[in-house]
């Protein structure tokens, strides 16, 4: 990958990729400080994980009765 980036990466300003730290490190090493964005799959996955964690915390605070009977 390093060879590919060195050969074709001169005009690259932005990279959209997954979350692999080794890939990110390789891109930074070869291309320098450019904009790195998350791909749509990983972006949505992190949002889902965050919402799931908050939902679990709220449900623990509510207790079983409020969770099951939907009494607020």
C-alpha atoms as a PDB file:
ATOM      1  CA  UNK A   1       0.000   0.000   0.000  1.00  0.00           C
ATOM      2  CA  UNK A   2       2.867   2.344   0.795  1.00  0.00           C
ATOM      3  CA  UNK A   3       4.215   1.977  -2.747  1.00  0.00           C
ATOM      4  CA  UNK A   4       0.757   2.642  -4.215  1.00  0.00           C
ATOM      5  CA  UNK A   5       0.283   5.763  -2.106  1.00  0.00           C
ATOM      6  CA  UNK A   6       3.754   7.028  -2.981  1.00  0.00           C
ATOM      7  CA  UNK A   7       3.095   6.480  -6.695  1.00  0.00           C
ATOM      8  CA  UNK A   8      -0.486   7.795  -6.961  1.00  0.00           C
ATOM      9  CA  UNK A   9      -1.007   9.921  -3.856  1.00  0.00           C
ATOM     10  CA  UNK A  10       0.530  13.260  -4.873  1.00  0.00           C
ATOM     11  CA  UNK A  11      -2.816  14.940  -5.578  1.00  0.00           C
ATOM     12  CA  UNK A  12      -4.793  13.381  -2.727  1.00  0.00           C
ATOM     13  CA  UNK A  13      -6.264  15.949  -0.313  1.00  0.00           C
ATOM     14  CA  UNK A  14      -8.746  13.791   1.594  1.00  0.00           C
ATOM     15  CA  UNK A  15      -9.082  10.100   2.452  1.00  0.00           C
ATOM     16  CA  UNK A  16     -12.300   8.400   3.568  1.00  0.00           C
ATOM     17  CA  UNK A  17     -11.605   5.070   5.230  1.00  0.00           C
ATOM     18  CA  UNK A  18     -12.354   2.656   8.027  1.00  0.00           C
ATOM     19  CA  UNK A  19     -10.886   2.786  11.507  1.00  0.00           C
ATOM     20  CA  UNK A  20      -7.820   0.559  11.187  1.00  0.00           C
ATOM     21  CA  UNK A  21      -5.003   2.381  13.043  1.00  0.00           C
ATOM     22  CA  UNK A  22      -2.271   0.759  10.906  1.00  0.00           C
ATOM     23  CA  UNK A  23      -3.897   1.954   7.680  1.00  0.00           C
ATOM     24  CA  UNK A  24      -4.357   5.445   9.117  1.00  0.00           C
ATOM     25  CA  UNK A  25      -0.725   5.518  10.215  1.00  0.00           C
ATOM     26  CA  UNK A  26       0.446   4.431   6.750  1.00  0.00           C
ATOM     27  CA  UNK A  27      -1.658   7.111   5.058  1.00  0.00           C
ATOM     28  CA  UNK A  28      -0.341   9.811   7.406  1.00  0.00           C
ATOM     29  CA  UNK A  29       3.252   8.618   6.974  1.00  0.00           C
ATOM     30  CA  UNK A  30       3.154   8.722   3.178  1.00  0.00           C
ATOM     31  CA  UNK A  31       0.728  11.581   2.517  1.00  0.00           C
ATOM     32  CA  UNK A  32       1.277  13.810   5.535  1.00  0.00           C
ATOM     33  CA  UNK A  33      -1.377  15.824   7.326  1.00  0.00           C
ATOM     34  CA  UNK A  34      -4.399  15.542   5.069  1.00  0.00           C
ATOM     35  CA  UNK A  35      -8.087  15.271   5.985  1.00  0.00           C
ATOM     36  CA  UNK A  36      -9.084  11.763   7.042  1.00  0.00           C
ATOM     37  CA  UNK A  37     -12.805  11.028   7.302  1.00  0.00           C
ATOM     38  CA  UNK A  38     -14.716   7.982   8.467  1.00  0.00           C
ATOM     39  CA  UNK A  39     -16.624   5.927   5.947  1.00  0.00           C
ATOM     40  CA  UNK A  40     -20.397   5.781   6.287  1.00  0.00           C
ATOM     41  CA  UNK A  41     -20.477   2.293   7.798  1.00  0.00           C
ATOM     42  CA  UNK A  42     -18.121   3.125  10.664  1.00  0.00           C
ATOM     43  CA  UNK A  43     -19.726   6.521  11.244  1.00  0.00           C
ATOM     44  CA  UNK A  44     -23.156   4.906  11.662  1.00  0.00           C
ATOM     45  CA  UNK A  45     -21.728   2.098  13.777  1.00  0.00           C
ATOM     46  CA  UNK A  46     -20.220   4.544  16.297  1.00  0.00           C
ATOM     47  CA  UNK A  47     -23.505   6.450  16.517  1.00  0.00           C
ATOM     48  CA  UNK A  48     -25.375   3.167  17.119  1.00  0.00           C
ATOM     49  CA  UNK A  49     -22.897   2.086  19.821  1.00  0.00           C
ATOM     50  CA  UNK A  50     -23.228   5.445  21.583  1.00  0.00           C
ATOM     51  CA  UNK A  51     -27.020   5.358  21.512  1.00  0.00           C
ATOM     52  CA  UNK A  52     -27.053   1.748  22.704  1.00  0.00           C
ATOM     53  CA  UNK A  53     -24.801   2.610  25.649  1.00  0.00           C
ATOM     54  CA  UNK A  54     -26.966   5.578  26.689  1.00  0.00           C
ATOM     55  CA  UNK A  55     -30.131   3.483  26.310  1.00  0.00           C
ATOM     56  CA  UNK A  56     -28.666   0.804  28.582  1.00  0.00           C
ATOM     57  CA  UNK A  57     -27.732   3.368  31.225  1.00  0.00           C
ATOM     58  CA  UNK A  58     -31.220   4.910  31.187  1.00  0.00           C
ATOM     59  CA  UNK A  59     -32.883   1.499  31.417  1.00  0.00           C
ATOM     60  CA  UNK A  60     -30.770   0.629  34.482  1.00  0.00           C
ATOM     61  CA  UNK A  61     -31.904   3.853  36.159  1.00  0.00           C
ATOM     62  CA  UNK A  62     -35.590   3.202  35.392  1.00  0.00           C
ATOM     63  CA  UNK A  63     -35.809  -0.251  36.879  1.00  0.00           C
ATOM     64  CA  UNK A  64     -37.798  -3.185  35.512  1.00  0.00           C
ATOM     65  CA  UNK A  65     -41.319  -1.817  36.110  1.00  0.00           C
ATOM     66  CA  UNK A  66     -40.831   1.380  34.101  1.00  0.00           C
ATOM     67  CA  UNK A  67     -38.902  -0.462  31.396  1.00  0.00           C
ATOM     68  CA  UNK A  68     -41.541  -3.145  30.830  1.00  0.00           C
ATOM     69  CA  UNK A  69     -44.742  -1.177  31.509  1.00  0.00           C
ATOM     70  CA  UNK A  70     -43.618   2.051  29.817  1.00  0.00           C
ATOM     71  CA  UNK A  71     -44.726   4.134  32.802  1.00  0.00           C
ATOM     72  CA  UNK A  72     -43.048   7.507  32.951  1.00  0.00           C
END
